[in-house]
Amino acid sequence: MKKYLFLSVIVALSYSGMRSEMLKISNHLIEQLVTQQNVPGSAQRYIAKNYPEAYDIRWEYKEKEGLYKCEFKVRGKKYKITFTPKGKQVNFKGMISTSQLPAKIKRFIKKYYPDHQIVKSIETRNYNQSFYEIKLGSNIAGKHRSKNLKFNQQGKLMN
């Protein structure tokens, strides 16, 4: 009797887990179809033109702000771009290579953190202002250390 009760509980839990997962997938597909249809054409064309290798593209409407957010990847790097309902870009956040950092930032890091390497660089542009978030890493005497820095568009340290 206990075996049958135990087996029944396992089957019920499996079914509810699968049902829950199916609902998540269903809701995600419905959300994606609805938002894809409502995304401004100019915003979709901007992504297609400027990021032709983009994949895992996901559109989301931010009702509170009245903006469309696009998240996607290119060669493993993540990007987020926000557009107005008319398709004008208002925000960008994405990983950039070290070579894309302003020279002033690279000189600062070389001078004040000579034993660190740049692990990750992220650029954020909000309404014509840029910010750079840099993650540094070092391995001195077998101890791993990391440091996060934030710079404004002029290359001045903000933190």
Protein backbone atom coordinates (compact mmCIF):
# COMPACT_ATOMS: atom_id res chain seq x y z
CA MET A 1 0.00 0.00 0.00
CA LYS A 2 2.81 2.39 0.95
CA LYS A 3 4.53 1.66 -2.38
CA TYR A 4 1.42 2.63 -4.34
CA LEU A 5 0.90 5.80 -2.32
CA PHE A 6 4.55 6.79 -2.80
CA LEU A 7 4.34 6.08 -6.55
CA SER A 8 1.12 8.12 -6.82
CA VAL A 9 2.77 11.10 -5.11
CA ILE A 10 5.77 10.92 -7.48
CA VAL A 11 3.52 10.76 -10.55
CA ALA A 12 1.44 13.70 -9.29
CA LEU A 13 4.53 15.79 -8.61
CA SER A 14 5.99 14.95 -12.02
CA TYR A 15 2.74 15.89 -13.73
CA SER A 16 2.44 19.21 -11.88
CA GLY A 17 6.11 20.03 -12.67
CA MET A 18 5.61 19.26 -16.37
CA ARG A 19 2.37 21.21 -16.44
CA SER A 20 4.04 24.18 -14.78
CA GLU A 21 6.92 24.04 -17.28
CA MET A 22 4.48 23.76 -20.20
CA LEU A 23 2.60 26.83 -18.94
CA LYS A 24 5.86 28.79 -18.68
CA ILE A 25 6.80 27.87 -22.24
CA SER A 26 3.31 28.66 -23.50
CA ASN A 27 3.23 32.05 -21.74
CA HIS A 28 6.70 32.89 -23.03
CA LEU A 29 5.69 32.10 -26.63
CA ILE A 30 2.51 34.14 -26.35
CA GLU A 31 4.42 37.07 -24.80
CA GLN A 32 7.07 36.86 -27.52
CA LEU A 33 4.52 36.76 -30.35
CA VAL A 34 2.54 39.66 -28.96
CA THR A 35 5.58 41.85 -28.32
CA GLN A 36 7.20 40.99 -31.68
CA GLN A 37 4.06 42.13 -33.47
CA ASN A 38 3.92 45.39 -31.52
CA VAL A 39 7.59 46.37 -31.70
CA PRO A 40 8.17 49.43 -33.89
CA GLY A 41 9.43 48.41 -37.33
CA SER A 42 12.25 50.97 -37.19
CA ALA A 43 13.57 49.39 -33.96
CA GLN A 44 13.49 45.91 -35.50
CA ARG A 45 15.26 47.20 -38.63
CA TYR A 46 17.92 48.91 -36.46
CA ILE A 47 18.78 45.61 -34.77
CA ALA A 48 18.78 43.70 -38.08
CA LYS A 49 21.01 46.29 -39.78
CA ASN A 50 23.50 46.97 -36.96
CA TYR A 51 23.62 43.49 -35.45
CA PRO A 52 23.06 41.05 -38.33
CA GLU A 53 24.65 38.21 -36.32
CA ALA A 54 22.31 38.73 -33.34
CA TYR A 55 20.65 35.68 -31.84
CA ASP A 56 18.49 34.91 -28.79
CA ILE A 57 16.64 38.14 -29.58
CA ARG A 58 13.97 38.96 -26.99
CA TRP A 59 11.69 41.99 -27.08
CA GLU A 60 9.90 43.31 -24.02
CA TYR A 61 7.54 46.24 -23.58
CA LYS A 62 8.21 48.24 -20.42
CA GLU A 63 4.73 49.56 -19.73
CA LYS A 64 5.75 51.86 -16.89
CA GLU A 65 8.32 53.68 -19.05
CA GLY A 66 6.46 53.19 -22.32
CA LEU A 67 9.64 51.79 -23.93
CA TYR A 68 10.61 48.67 -25.86
CA LYS A 69 13.66 46.75 -24.66
CA CYS A 70 15.57 44.38 -26.89
CA GLU A 71 17.99 41.87 -25.37
CA PHE A 72 20.21 39.76 -27.60
CA LYS A 73 23.64 38.21 -28.05
CA VAL A 74 26.34 38.55 -30.67
CA ARG A 75 29.27 36.10 -30.54
CA GLY A 76 28.47 35.33 -26.90
CA LYS A 77 28.34 38.98 -25.81
CA LYS A 78 25.11 40.30 -24.30
CA TYR A 79 23.44 43.55 -25.41
CA LYS A 80 20.39 45.53 -24.29
CA ILE A 81 18.94 48.39 -26.32
CA THR A 82 15.86 50.41 -25.41
CA PHE A 83 13.66 52.23 -27.94
CA THR A 84 10.77 54.68 -27.83
CA PRO A 85 7.43 53.66 -29.41
CA LYS A 86 8.59 55.63 -32.50
CA GLY A 87 11.74 53.49 -32.72
CA LYS A 88 14.29 56.02 -31.43
CA GLN A 89 17.16 54.47 -29.43
CA VAL A 90 17.37 55.88 -25.88
CA ASN A 91 19.60 53.38 -24.07
CA PHE A 92 22.36 50.93 -24.92
CA LYS A 93 24.21 48.48 -22.68
CA GLY A 94 26.67 45.98 -24.03
CA MET A 95 29.97 44.26 -23.63
CA ILE A 96 32.84 45.87 -25.52
CA SER A 97 36.41 44.83 -26.17
CA THR A 98 39.35 46.46 -24.41
CA SER A 99 40.33 48.10 -27.69
CA GLN A 100 37.01 49.98 -27.70
CA LEU A 101 37.69 51.64 -24.32
CA PRO A 102 38.73 55.30 -24.35
CA ALA A 103 42.53 55.68 -24.18
CA LYS A 104 42.26 57.70 -20.96
CA ILE A 105 40.63 54.75 -19.17
CA LYS A 106 43.25 52.30 -20.41
CA ARG A 107 46.05 54.65 -19.25
CA PHE A 108 44.42 54.99 -15.81
CA ILE A 109 44.19 51.23 -15.37
CA LYS A 110 47.77 50.70 -16.54
CA LYS A 111 49.04 53.37 -14.11
CA TYR A 112 47.02 52.50 -10.97
CA TYR A 113 46.40 48.75 -11.49
CA PRO A 114 49.50 47.52 -13.34
CA ASP A 115 49.14 43.99 -11.97
CA HIS A 116 45.50 43.65 -13.09
CA GLN A 117 44.01 42.52 -16.39
CA ILE A 118 40.71 43.75 -17.83
CA VAL A 119 38.30 40.83 -17.49
CA LYS A 120 35.10 42.51 -18.71
CA SER A 121 34.16 45.90 -20.18
CA ILE A 122 30.59 47.14 -20.42
CA GLU A 123 29.47 50.37 -22.06
CA THR A 124 26.18 52.02 -21.12
CA ARG A 125 24.75 54.95 -23.10
CA ASN A 126 21.76 56.83 -21.72
CA TYR A 127 20.48 59.85 -23.63
CA ASN A 128 23.91 60.82 -25.08
CA GLN A 129 25.93 60.05 -21.92
CA SER A 130 28.29 57.09 -21.77
CA PHE A 131 29.52 55.14 -18.78
CA TYR A 132 32.04 52.33 -18.67
CA GLU A 133 32.01 49.52 -16.13
CA ILE A 134 35.28 47.63 -15.97
CA LYS A 135 35.98 44.41 -14.10
CA LEU A 136 39.66 43.84 -13.35
CA GLY A 137 41.29 40.65 -12.17
CA SER A 138 44.72 39.67 -10.91
CA ASN A 139 46.44 36.61 -9.58
CA ILE A 140 49.26 37.60 -7.24
CA ALA A 141 51.03 34.93 -5.21
CA GLY A 142 48.22 32.48 -5.92
CA LYS A 143 45.49 34.84 -4.63
CA HIS A 144 42.81 35.88 -7.08
CA ARG A 145 41.66 39.47 -6.67
CA SER A 146 39.06 41.42 -8.58
CA LYS A 147 38.12 45.07 -8.71
CA ASN A 148 35.16 46.85 -10.29
CA LEU A 149 35.59 50.37 -11.64
CA LYS A 150 33.15 52.80 -13.22
CA PHE A 151 34.15 55.69 -15.47
CA ASN A 152 32.19 58.52 -17.09
CA GLN A 153 32.42 59.36 -20.79
CA GLN A 154 35.39 61.67 -20.16
CA GLY A 155 37.32 58.76 -18.63
CA LYS A 156 37.10 59.99 -15.05
CA LEU A 157 36.73 57.43 -12.27
CA MET A 158 33.29 57.58 -10.65
CA ASN A 159 33.72 55.14 -7.74
